[in-house]
Amino acid sequence: MYGVQIAFKDFIASSGITGSPWIGFEHFKRFFDSYYFWRLIKNTLLIGLYQLVVGFPLRGMAGNGLELNYLSSGFVSH
């Protein structure tokens, strides 16, 4: 739970998590008011969609290919 607290504090490494001053939602306000907020949200969603559409089928195809060669590739010792 200490890691979650960092988002709500003005973290100073020398003071540690518990010694850093509490600032509440200031980091979140600054992020939501940022000029780049919508660009970041759009990029995050597009990358996630790309990973689903392209990455998921490719992993399935690669997994099937690896499964066929698994025993003959030397991964299993007798």
Protein backbone atom coordinates (compact mmCIF):
# COMPACT_ATOMS: atom_id res chain seq x y z
CA MET A 1 0.00 0.00 0.00
CA TYR A 2 2.98 2.32 0.34
CA GLY A 3 3.33 2.51 -3.45
CA VAL A 4 -0.26 3.75 -3.83
CA GLN A 5 0.47 6.62 -1.44
CA ILE A 6 3.11 8.08 -3.77
CA ALA A 7 0.37 9.31 -6.14
CA PHE A 8 -1.04 11.47 -3.34
CA LYS A 9 2.24 12.81 -1.99
CA ASP A 10 4.95 15.18 -3.15
CA PHE A 11 7.45 12.35 -3.00
CA ILE A 12 10.96 13.22 -1.85
CA ALA A 13 13.33 10.25 -1.96
CA SER A 14 15.39 11.39 1.01
CA SER A 15 12.24 11.71 3.15
CA GLY A 16 10.74 8.41 2.06
CA ILE A 17 7.10 7.63 1.42
CA THR A 18 5.88 8.29 4.95
CA GLY A 19 7.95 11.46 5.39
CA SER A 20 6.90 13.16 2.13
CA PRO A 21 4.20 15.86 2.35
CA TRP A 22 0.61 14.90 1.51
CA ILE A 23 -0.82 16.87 -1.45
CA GLY A 24 -4.04 14.96 -2.18
CA PHE A 25 -5.30 15.05 -5.76
CA GLU A 26 -2.90 17.74 -7.07
CA HIS A 27 -1.04 15.31 -9.37
CA PHE A 28 -4.35 14.07 -10.78
CA LYS A 29 -5.69 17.59 -11.31
CA ARG A 30 -2.50 18.53 -13.17
CA PHE A 31 -2.73 15.41 -15.33
CA PHE A 32 -6.42 15.89 -16.22
CA ASP A 33 -5.84 19.58 -17.01
CA SER A 34 -2.77 18.82 -19.11
CA TYR A 35 -2.69 19.83 -22.76
CA TYR A 36 -1.65 16.27 -23.67
CA PHE A 37 -4.34 14.45 -21.64
CA TRP A 38 -6.62 13.51 -24.55
CA ARG A 39 -3.67 12.61 -26.77
CA LEU A 40 -2.35 10.27 -24.08
CA ILE A 41 -5.77 8.65 -23.58
CA LYS A 42 -6.22 8.21 -27.35
CA ASN A 43 -2.74 6.70 -27.78
CA THR A 44 -3.27 4.35 -24.84
CA LEU A 45 -6.56 3.10 -26.25
CA LEU A 46 -5.17 2.73 -29.77
CA ILE A 47 -2.14 0.78 -28.56
CA GLY A 48 -4.40 -1.51 -26.52
CA LEU A 49 -6.70 -2.05 -29.50
CA TYR A 50 -3.72 -2.74 -31.76
CA GLN A 51 -2.38 -5.31 -29.31
CA LEU A 52 -5.75 -7.06 -29.27
CA VAL A 53 -6.28 -7.04 -33.03
CA VAL A 54 -2.72 -7.83 -34.14
CA GLY A 55 -0.93 -9.26 -31.14
CA PHE A 56 -3.50 -11.77 -29.96
CA PRO A 57 -3.75 -13.70 -33.25
CA LEU A 58 0.03 -13.58 -33.76
CA ARG A 59 0.64 -15.03 -30.29
CA GLY A 60 -1.86 -17.77 -31.05
CA MET A 61 -0.17 -18.65 -34.32
CA ALA A 62 3.30 -18.54 -32.77
CA GLY A 63 2.13 -20.63 -29.83
CA ASN A 64 0.76 -23.31 -32.13
CA GLY A 65 4.02 -23.40 -34.08
CA LEU A 66 6.12 -23.67 -30.93
CA GLU A 67 3.92 -26.42 -29.57
CA LEU A 68 4.59 -28.60 -32.64
CA ASN A 69 8.38 -28.28 -32.32
CA TYR A 70 8.57 -28.34 -28.52
CA LEU A 71 9.66 -31.94 -28.03
CA SER A 72 12.23 -32.00 -30.83
CA SER A 73 13.90 -28.70 -29.90
CA GLY A 74 15.88 -29.97 -26.92
CA PHE A 75 13.83 -28.31 -24.18
CA VAL A 76 12.96 -31.68 -22.70
CA SER A 77 15.77 -33.77 -21.24
CA HIS A 78 15.36 -37.54 -21.12
